[in-house]
């Protein structure tokens, strides 16, 4: 419903000419020649930027202090949006009064781009003496780059404030030692078969068959686990433009889904089914020593420091397909910053962007809550003198993960939550023996494409 509302409102907006050819006020167009040098001098006079960056008071009152001091002619007015900010931003954009700078996730970005709501940033990066497009990690292109050929190409419309690969492995060294299992490599991903064999040696059940300690579970964004299997195996969920679901037609996709299901279903299953109830979330069970392997991102380290300081943990890449599969560091989601095409102060907004991509990236690197999107700040994390050898090695590992990061497969025409529901409902029928996998995949493909047709 949300994206349908967005399409309807913005279509009406486009007809009214509010966003026709980009910003009427600023004179910027969505058809600017890429690579053109432009004058980045900040507009004259006292400037007030309307900014919606919901990062809390520490951001506006603390992290922006240096920017405000260095740019006294630019004041920041924090836009407060209660409730569902996606819906509010949609209505604001439709009325032509979106904030000058605001957050945007991958779910709605294409519709905003196609209706000229977002300012393309190619020439700003080209002209900047502070930051270049190539300074950012490749994952940024996959989220904020777009051409008619699909995501990850063409013009760039924003940048991620912070991000993380979300599904690499953390493992409890003490539980591995107890079971006599060799630690997985932090450099070379293990294959699905090796991963299965490892899990078979981990975990412990009581006399009634109930788990005392779990090998692992796929309870954290489980469909994203499935997507990582598909991408590693060279499969596809959609055509490149996201306009058609192809899960039933792609043999590599079917093979990957079968391998993922076999981990959890049948006599050779080695872990609980992803919808089976477990006593706690996997992260909590990992912290308490009741799970040998947990999946998470760089953000999980802070949880372990704060809640389980004695946890003896290691890390390893996500397992890959047996046939020489691709190492995929799956990113389950991220948000970033964009600039409205109707801003009266595009250069002042870009000045804020340059700050967010320099000094504020340093704050992201030091916070431990996410990874910076700029390469140099990510590499500098490992030079922190307060880090021990284990953490320095971990930061190097994160740098390697960054180079293979991929955003989850998505279509610009259907909400990700709707796709997740379709996958869950039909795979559940396979689990309970009510449907075979081929029938389920055909049903998934048909239902997703029907939804896509409705949204288009």
Protein backbone atom coordinates (compact mmCIF):
# COMPACT_ATOMS: atom_id res chain seq x y z
CA UNK A 1 0.00 0.00 0.00
CA UNK A 2 2.78 2.43 0.89
CA UNK A 3 4.55 2.21 -2.45
CA UNK A 4 1.28 2.36 -4.38
CA UNK A 5 0.49 5.57 -2.54
CA UNK A 6 3.93 6.86 -3.42
CA UNK A 7 3.48 6.10 -7.13
CA UNK A 8 0.05 7.70 -7.27
CA UNK A 9 1.05 10.85 -5.40
CA UNK A 10 4.28 11.35 -7.27
CA UNK A 11 2.64 10.67 -10.62
CA UNK A 12 0.17 13.44 -9.88
CA UNK A 13 3.06 15.62 -8.81
CA UNK A 14 4.95 14.98 -12.03
CA UNK A 15 1.86 15.89 -14.07
CA UNK A 16 1.63 19.18 -12.22
CA UNK A 17 5.24 19.94 -13.20
CA UNK A 18 6.53 20.36 -9.66
CA UNK A 19 9.50 18.11 -10.30
CA UNK A 20 9.60 18.35 -14.08
CA UNK A 21 13.24 18.19 -15.25
CA UNK A 22 14.50 18.35 -11.68
CA UNK A 23 14.35 21.47 -9.56
CA UNK A 24 12.63 24.50 -11.00
CA UNK A 25 14.03 26.65 -8.20
CA UNK A 26 17.66 25.58 -8.42
CA UNK A 27 17.85 25.08 -12.16
CA UNK A 28 19.36 21.61 -11.76
CA UNK A 29 18.17 18.87 -14.05
CA UNK A 30 18.09 15.12 -13.90
CA UNK A 31 19.64 15.18 -17.41
CA UNK A 32 22.91 16.91 -16.49
CA UNK A 33 25.96 15.76 -18.40
CA UNK A 34 27.99 13.40 -16.22
CA UNK A 35 31.48 14.56 -15.42
CA UNK A 36 30.77 18.26 -15.92
CA UNK A 37 32.64 20.55 -13.56
CA UNK A 38 30.30 22.87 -11.68
CA UNK A 39 30.82 25.77 -9.30
CA UNK A 40 30.31 24.54 -5.74
CA UNK A 41 30.40 27.98 -4.12
CA UNK A 42 27.77 28.06 -1.39
CA UNK A 43 24.82 30.33 -2.12
CA UNK A 44 25.05 33.83 -0.67
CA UNK A 45 23.15 35.19 2.31
CA UNK A 46 21.85 33.42 5.36
CA UNK A 47 20.75 29.90 4.47
CA UNK A 48 18.44 27.58 6.34
CA UNK A 49 18.53 23.92 5.35
CA UNK A 50 15.58 21.74 6.29
CA UNK A 51 17.17 18.43 7.29
CA UNK A 52 15.54 15.13 8.23
CA UNK A 53 18.25 12.86 9.59
CA UNK A 54 16.65 10.86 12.43
CA UNK A 55 19.88 10.02 14.23
CA UNK A 56 18.96 11.53 17.58
CA UNK A 57 19.90 14.65 19.50
CA UNK A 58 23.57 13.64 19.74
CA UNK A 59 23.81 14.07 15.99
CA UNK A 60 22.17 17.47 15.73
CA UNK A 61 23.57 18.88 18.96
CA UNK A 62 26.96 17.19 18.90
CA UNK A 63 28.15 15.73 15.64
CA UNK A 64 27.10 18.81 13.60
CA UNK A 65 28.82 21.29 15.94
CA UNK A 66 31.95 21.60 13.81
CA UNK A 67 29.93 22.01 10.63
CA UNK A 68 27.86 24.82 12.12
CA UNK A 69 30.97 26.56 13.43
CA UNK A 70 32.72 26.36 10.05
CA UNK A 71 29.63 27.51 8.13
CA UNK A 72 27.94 30.28 10.14
CA UNK A 73 25.81 31.30 7.17
CA UNK A 74 24.20 27.83 7.04
CA UNK A 75 21.72 27.01 9.77
CA UNK A 76 20.21 23.57 10.15
CA UNK A 77 16.51 23.24 10.91
CA UNK A 78 15.80 19.74 12.16
CA UNK A 79 12.60 18.41 10.61
CA UNK A 80 10.76 16.21 13.05
CA UNK A 81 8.56 13.48 11.59
CA UNK A 82 6.52 11.41 14.00
CA UNK A 83 5.27 7.94 13.20
CA UNK A 84 5.96 6.39 9.80
CA UNK A 85 8.44 8.79 8.21
CA UNK A 86 8.25 7.00 4.84
CA UNK A 87 4.58 7.94 4.51
CA UNK A 88 5.22 11.51 5.64
CA UNK A 89 8.12 11.96 3.23
CA UNK A 90 5.92 10.68 0.42
CA UNK A 91 3.23 13.27 1.07
CA UNK A 92 5.82 16.03 1.54
CA UNK A 93 7.51 15.10 -1.75
CA UNK A 94 4.14 15.00 -3.54
CA UNK A 95 3.42 18.52 -2.31
CA UNK A 96 6.84 19.68 -3.49
CA UNK A 97 8.15 20.54 -0.03
CA UNK A 98 10.40 17.63 0.91
CA UNK A 99 13.30 18.57 3.23
CA UNK A 100 16.47 19.79 1.53
CA UNK A 101 18.33 16.77 2.89
CA UNK A 102 16.65 13.60 4.10
CA UNK A 103 17.15 9.89 4.64
CA UNK A 104 16.20 7.31 2.06
CA UNK A 105 16.37 3.51 2.03
CA UNK A 106 16.54 1.17 -0.97
CA UNK A 107 12.82 0.35 -0.90
CA UNK A 108 11.43 3.59 -2.35
CA UNK A 109 14.45 5.20 -3.95
CA UNK A 110 13.70 4.23 -7.57
CA UNK A 111 10.26 5.81 -7.57
CA UNK A 112 11.73 9.01 -6.12
CA UNK A 113 14.43 8.98 -8.82
CA UNK A 114 12.04 8.37 -11.69
CA UNK A 115 9.81 11.23 -10.60
CA UNK A 116 12.70 13.65 -10.34
CA UNK A 117 12.50 14.10 -6.58
CA UNK A 118 16.20 13.46 -5.94
CA UNK A 119 19.15 15.55 -7.07
CA UNK A 120 21.70 13.52 -9.08
CA UNK A 121 25.13 13.94 -7.53
CA UNK A 122 27.48 12.91 -10.35
CA UNK A 123 28.78 16.41 -11.03
CA UNK A 124 29.04 17.28 -7.35
CA UNK A 125 31.34 14.33 -6.74
CA UNK A 126 33.27 15.18 -9.90
CA UNK A 127 33.75 18.82 -8.84
CA UNK A 128 34.44 18.24 -5.16
CA UNK A 129 37.93 18.65 -3.75
CA UNK A 130 36.85 16.78 -0.60
CA UNK A 131 35.33 13.49 -1.74
CA UNK A 132 35.03 11.58 -5.00
CA UNK A 133 32.51 8.95 -5.98
CA UNK A 134 35.28 6.36 -6.17
CA UNK A 135 36.19 7.07 -2.53
CA UNK A 136 33.03 5.20 -1.51
CA UNK A 137 32.76 1.44 -1.21
CA UNK A 138 31.09 -0.49 -4.08
CA UNK A 139 28.00 -1.27 -1.98
CA UNK A 140 27.04 2.40 -2.18
CA UNK A 141 26.62 2.11 -5.96
CA UNK A 142 24.34 -0.89 -5.57
CA UNK A 143 21.98 1.08 -3.34
CA UNK A 144 22.14 4.61 -4.71
CA UNK A 145 23.26 4.12 -8.32
CA UNK A 146 20.62 3.79 -11.00
CA UNK A 147 20.21 3.71 -14.76
CA UNK A 148 17.41 2.23 -16.84
CA UNK A 149 19.50 -0.95 -17.00
CA UNK A 150 19.11 -1.47 -13.26
CA UNK A 151 20.61 -0.74 -9.88
CA UNK A 152 24.33 -0.22 -9.42
CA UNK A 153 24.91 1.74 -12.62
CA UNK A 154 24.35 5.22 -14.03
CA UNK A 155 23.91 8.29 -11.90
CA UNK A 156 24.43 8.38 -8.15
CA UNK A 157 21.77 9.85 -5.86
CA UNK A 158 23.03 9.50 -2.30
CA UNK A 159 25.35 7.79 0.11
CA UNK A 160 25.01 5.46 3.09
CA UNK A 161 25.71 7.07 6.44
CA UNK A 162 26.88 3.77 7.91
CA UNK A 163 26.43 0.15 6.95
CA UNK A 164 27.52 -3.39 7.67
CA UNK A 165 27.60 -6.82 6.09
CA UNK A 166 24.94 -8.49 8.21
CA UNK A 167 25.36 -12.24 7.84
CA UNK A 168 28.94 -13.26 8.49
CA UNK A 169 29.61 -15.85 11.19
CA UNK A 170 30.49 -15.30 14.82
CA UNK A 171 31.47 -18.48 16.65
CA UNK A 172 32.00 -19.41 20.28
CA UNK A 173 35.54 -20.71 20.58
CA UNK A 174 34.86 -22.40 23.90
CA UNK A 175 32.01 -24.49 22.45
CA UNK A 176 34.19 -25.38 19.45
CA UNK A 177 36.99 -26.45 21.79
CA UNK A 178 34.58 -28.53 23.87
CA UNK A 179 33.36 -30.34 20.74
CA UNK A 180 36.86 -30.71 19.31
CA UNK A 181 35.95 -28.76 16.18
CA UNK A 182 38.54 -26.78 14.26
CA UNK A 183 37.90 -23.04 14.00
CA UNK A 184 36.72 -21.86 10.57
CA UNK A 185 39.11 -19.68 8.57
CA UNK A 186 38.65 -15.93 8.74
CA UNK A 187 40.18 -15.58 5.26
CA UNK A 188 38.69 -18.34 3.14
CA UNK A 189 34.94 -19.05 3.24
CA UNK A 190 33.93 -22.63 3.89
CA UNK A 191 31.58 -24.35 1.45
CA UNK A 192 27.99 -25.32 2.24
CA UNK A 193 29.08 -28.95 2.64
CA UNK A 194 31.88 -27.99 5.02
CA UNK A 195 29.49 -25.77 6.96
CA UNK A 196 26.99 -28.63 7.31
CA UNK A 197 29.71 -31.05 8.42
CA UNK A 198 30.92 -28.55 11.02
CA UNK A 199 27.43 -28.01 12.44
CA UNK A 200 26.87 -31.75 12.74
CA UNK A 201 29.64 -31.82 15.35
CA UNK A 202 28.29 -28.87 17.31
CA UNK A 203 25.26 -28.51 19.53
CA UNK A 204 24.03 -30.77 22.29
CA UNK A 205 20.65 -32.39 23.03
CA UNK A 206 19.19 -33.91 26.17
CA UNK A 207 17.84 -37.47 26.39
CA UNK A 208 14.48 -36.31 25.02
CA UNK A 209 16.03 -34.74 21.95
CA UNK A 210 15.65 -31.16 23.09
CA UNK A 211 18.46 -28.75 22.29
CA UNK A 212 20.67 -27.75 25.20
CA UNK A 213 23.08 -25.83 23.00
CA UNK A 214 22.26 -25.06 19.37
CA UNK A 215 24.68 -25.34 16.44
CA UNK A 216 23.05 -22.26 14.86
CA UNK A 217 19.68 -21.03 13.55
CA UNK A 218 18.61 -18.77 10.70
CA UNK A 219 16.31 -16.62 12.81
CA UNK A 220 17.97 -13.27 12.02
CA UNK A 221 16.42 -11.98 8.75
CA UNK A 222 16.05 -15.59 7.57
CA UNK A 223 15.05 -14.81 4.00
CA UNK A 224 18.29 -12.83 3.68
CA UNK A 225 20.15 -16.04 4.55
CA UNK A 226 18.32 -17.66 1.67
CA UNK A 227 19.27 -14.78 -0.63
CA UNK A 228 22.94 -15.16 0.28
CA UNK A 229 22.74 -18.81 -0.75
CA UNK A 230 21.12 -17.84 -4.05
CA UNK A 231 23.67 -15.15 -4.91
CA UNK A 232 26.63 -17.31 -3.92
CA UNK A 233 25.39 -20.00 -6.28
CA UNK A 234 25.07 -17.55 -9.17
CA UNK A 235 21.28 -17.55 -9.06
CA UNK A 236 18.78 -14.73 -9.42
CA UNK A 237 15.57 -13.70 -7.72
CA UNK A 238 14.66 -11.04 -10.32
CA UNK A 239 15.66 -9.92 -13.76
CA UNK A 240 18.27 -7.17 -13.67
CA UNK A 241 15.73 -4.34 -13.75
CA UNK A 242 13.77 -5.96 -10.91
CA UNK A 243 10.67 -6.17 -13.08
CA UNK A 244 10.20 -9.96 -13.10
CA UNK A 245 10.69 -12.67 -10.48
CA UNK A 246 12.54 -15.71 -11.90
CA UNK A 247 13.02 -18.07 -8.93
CA UNK A 248 11.22 -20.96 -10.65
CA UNK A 249 13.07 -20.52 -13.95
CA UNK A 250 16.65 -20.29 -12.67
CA UNK A 251 18.20 -23.70 -11.98
CA UNK A 252 20.96 -22.22 -9.82
CA UNK A 253 18.34 -20.51 -7.68
CA UNK A 254 16.47 -23.76 -7.21
CA UNK A 255 19.69 -25.57 -6.28
CA UNK A 256 20.52 -22.91 -3.68
CA UNK A 257 17.06 -22.96 -2.11
CA UNK A 258 17.17 -26.76 -1.93
CA UNK A 259 20.52 -26.63 -0.12
CA UNK A 260 19.16 -24.02 2.30
CA UNK A 261 16.04 -26.09 3.01
CA UNK A 262 18.04 -29.30 3.43
CA UNK A 263 19.92 -27.68 6.31
CA UNK A 264 16.64 -27.48 8.21
CA UNK A 265 14.28 -30.15 6.85
CA UNK A 266 14.30 -33.94 6.74
CA UNK A 267 16.29 -36.66 8.47
CA UNK A 268 19.63 -35.02 7.60
CA UNK A 269 18.70 -31.60 8.97
CA UNK A 270 21.41 -30.16 11.20
CA UNK A 271 19.65 -27.06 12.59
CA UNK A 272 16.06 -26.14 13.52
CA UNK A 273 13.73 -24.83 10.84
CA UNK A 274 13.90 -21.03 10.73
CA UNK A 275 10.33 -20.66 11.99
CA UNK A 276 10.64 -23.15 14.85
CA UNK A 277 10.36 -21.47 18.25
CA UNK A 278 13.61 -21.16 20.19
CA UNK A 279 14.01 -19.96 23.80
CA UNK A 280 15.62 -16.62 22.85
CA UNK A 281 16.87 -14.77 19.82
CA UNK A 282 20.06 -16.27 18.47
CA UNK A 283 22.13 -13.22 19.47
CA UNK A 284 21.03 -13.62 23.09
CA UNK A 285 21.66 -17.36 23.04
CA UNK A 286 25.10 -16.80 21.55
CA UNK A 287 25.96 -14.30 24.26
CA UNK A 288 24.85 -16.74 26.97
CA UNK A 289 26.87 -19.65 25.54
CA UNK A 290 23.86 -21.63 24.27
CA UNK A 291 24.65 -21.33 20.55
CA UNK A 292 27.89 -22.20 18.77
CA UNK A 293 27.46 -20.00 15.69
CA UNK A 294 25.49 -16.79 15.28
CA UNK A 295 25.13 -14.60 12.21
CA UNK A 296 25.43 -10.85 12.45
CA UNK A 297 27.25 -7.72 11.37
CA UNK A 298 29.91 -5.41 12.73
CA UNK A 299 27.26 -3.88 14.99
CA UNK A 300 27.06 -7.11 17.00
CA UNK A 301 30.52 -6.62 18.48
CA UNK A 302 29.34 -3.75 20.66
CA UNK A 303 26.55 -5.98 21.99
CA UNK A 304 29.08 -8.66 22.91
CA UNK A 305 31.37 -6.13 24.60
CA UNK A 306 28.53 -4.62 26.61
CA UNK A 307 26.53 -7.76 27.46
CA UNK A 308 29.02 -10.61 27.33
CA UNK A 309 32.53 -9.22 27.94
CA UNK A 310 33.88 -12.69 28.72
CA UNK A 311 32.64 -14.23 25.47
CA UNK A 312 35.49 -15.92 23.61
CA UNK A 313 34.43 -15.29 20.03
CA UNK A 314 35.85 -15.65 16.54
CA UNK A 315 34.58 -14.67 13.11
CA UNK A 316 34.43 -16.10 9.60
CA UNK A 317 32.85 -15.28 6.22
CA UNK A 318 29.43 -16.55 5.20
CA UNK A 319 29.66 -20.06 3.65
CA UNK A 320 29.66 -20.26 -0.15
CA UNK A 321 28.25 -22.66 -2.72
CA UNK A 322 30.11 -25.94 -3.28
CA UNK A 323 30.74 -25.27 -6.97
CA UNK A 324 33.24 -22.47 -6.44
CA UNK A 325 30.52 -20.11 -5.35
CA UNK A 326 30.89 -16.39 -4.97
CA UNK A 327 31.79 -14.96 -1.59
CA UNK A 328 28.77 -12.77 -0.81
CA UNK A 329 28.81 -10.49 2.23
CA UNK A 330 25.05 -9.96 2.41
CA UNK A 331 23.74 -6.56 3.48
CA UNK A 332 20.22 -6.86 4.87
CA UNK A 333 19.46 -3.14 4.66
CA UNK A 334 20.80 0.38 5.03
CA UNK A 335 19.70 3.97 4.87
CA UNK A 336 21.50 6.96 3.52
CA UNK A 337 21.22 10.63 2.72
CA UNK A 338 19.81 12.27 -0.41
CA UNK A 339 19.20 15.86 -1.54
CA UNK A 340 15.86 17.13 -2.82
CA UNK A 341 15.90 18.25 -6.45
CA UNK A 342 13.82 21.24 -5.40
CA UNK A 343 16.21 22.59 -2.81
CA UNK A 344 16.98 26.27 -3.25
CA UNK A 345 20.43 25.65 -1.83
CA UNK A 346 21.98 22.66 -3.61
CA UNK A 347 25.55 23.81 -2.95
CA UNK A 348 24.89 24.38 0.75
CA UNK A 349 23.30 20.92 0.90
CA UNK A 350 26.36 19.48 -0.83
CA UNK A 351 28.59 21.29 1.67
CA UNK A 352 26.74 19.39 4.40
CA UNK A 353 27.26 16.18 2.42
CA UNK A 354 31.01 16.80 2.26
CA UNK A 355 31.02 17.15 6.05
CA UNK A 356 28.99 13.98 6.50
CA UNK A 357 31.45 12.16 4.25
CA UNK A 358 34.50 13.36 6.19
CA UNK A 359 34.28 14.34 9.86
CA UNK A 360 31.06 12.44 10.46
CA UNK A 361 32.46 9.32 8.83
CA UNK A 362 35.19 9.47 11.46
CA UNK A 363 32.50 9.43 14.15
CA UNK A 364 30.84 6.41 12.49
CA UNK A 365 34.18 4.61 12.45
CA UNK A 366 34.77 5.31 16.14
CA UNK A 367 31.25 4.47 17.29
CA UNK A 368 31.46 0.73 16.64
CA UNK A 369 27.78 0.71 15.65
CA UNK A 370 28.34 0.63 11.89
CA UNK A 371 31.03 0.77 9.23
CA UNK A 372 31.93 3.96 7.34
CA UNK A 373 31.11 4.03 3.63
CA UNK A 374 34.40 5.74 2.76
CA UNK A 375 37.30 3.39 2.08
CA UNK A 376 39.95 5.40 3.90
CA UNK A 377 37.96 5.67 7.12
CA UNK A 378 37.28 1.95 7.07
CA UNK A 379 40.98 1.18 6.69
CA UNK A 380 41.86 3.65 9.44
CA UNK A 381 39.65 1.78 11.93
CA UNK A 382 42.40 -0.84 12.19
CA UNK A 383 45.01 1.72 13.21
CA UNK A 384 43.23 2.65 16.43
CA UNK A 385 45.92 2.21 19.15
CA UNK A 386 43.29 1.14 21.69
CA UNK A 387 42.47 -2.03 19.71
CA UNK A 388 44.02 -5.33 20.72
CA UNK A 389 45.41 -7.75 18.11
CA UNK A 390 42.14 -9.66 17.91
CA UNK A 391 40.16 -6.52 17.10
CA UNK A 392 42.77 -5.27 14.63
CA UNK A 393 42.47 -8.57 12.75
CA UNK A 394 38.70 -8.28 12.91
CA UNK A 395 38.80 -4.81 11.32
CA UNK A 396 40.94 -6.20 8.49
CA UNK A 397 38.35 -8.94 8.06
CA UNK A 398 35.62 -6.28 7.77
CA UNK A 399 37.65 -4.58 5.05
CA UNK A 400 37.73 -7.83 3.06
CA UNK A 401 33.99 -8.29 3.59
CA UNK A 402 33.38 -4.76 2.30
CA UNK A 403 34.81 -5.64 -1.09
CA UNK A 404 32.34 -8.51 -1.59
CA UNK A 405 29.29 -6.85 -0.04
CA UNK A 406 25.99 -7.21 -1.87
CA UNK A 407 22.60 -5.77 -1.03
CA UNK A 408 19.73 -8.24 -0.83
CA UNK A 409 17.92 -8.84 -4.16
CA UNK A 410 15.06 -6.42 -4.52
CA UNK A 411 12.48 -5.13 -6.95
CA UNK A 412 11.54 -1.45 -7.08
CA UNK A 413 7.94 -2.48 -7.68
CA UNK A 414 7.08 -4.47 -4.57
CA UNK A 415 7.83 -4.06 -0.85
CA UNK A 416 10.47 -6.40 0.50
CA UNK A 417 8.17 -7.37 3.36
CA UNK A 418 5.56 -8.59 0.87
CA UNK A 419 8.14 -10.75 -0.90
CA UNK A 420 9.35 -12.16 2.43
CA UNK A 421 5.79 -13.14 3.31
CA UNK A 422 5.28 -14.91 -0.01
CA UNK A 423 8.52 -16.87 0.44
CA UNK A 424 7.70 -17.77 4.05
CA UNK A 425 4.15 -18.93 3.35
CA UNK A 426 5.11 -21.21 0.49
CA UNK A 427 8.32 -22.62 1.99
CA UNK A 428 6.35 -23.43 5.11
CA UNK A 429 4.16 -25.71 2.97
CA UNK A 430 7.29 -27.54 1.81
CA UNK A 431 8.43 -27.93 5.40
CA UNK A 432 5.11 -29.52 6.43
CA UNK A 433 5.08 -31.80 3.37
CA UNK A 434 2.08 -30.16 1.73
CA UNK A 435 3.96 -29.10 -1.40
CA UNK A 436 7.17 -30.04 -3.19
CA UNK A 437 9.85 -27.43 -3.77
CA UNK A 438 9.24 -27.05 -7.51
CA UNK A 439 5.56 -26.33 -6.96
CA UNK A 440 6.41 -23.87 -4.19
CA UNK A 441 8.90 -21.99 -6.36
CA UNK A 442 6.40 -21.75 -9.20
CA UNK A 443 3.81 -20.42 -6.78
CA UNK A 444 6.29 -17.92 -5.32
CA UNK A 445 7.20 -16.70 -8.79
CA UNK A 446 3.57 -16.35 -9.85
CA UNK A 447 2.52 -14.53 -6.69
CA UNK A 448 5.47 -12.13 -6.73
CA UNK A 449 4.98 -11.31 -10.41
CA UNK A 450 1.27 -10.74 -9.83
CA UNK A 451 2.14 -8.30 -7.06
CA UNK A 452 4.72 -6.59 -9.28
CA UNK A 453 2.09 -6.21 -12.00
CA UNK A 454 -0.29 -4.62 -9.52
CA UNK A 455 2.37 -2.20 -8.28
CA UNK A 456 3.46 -1.22 -11.77
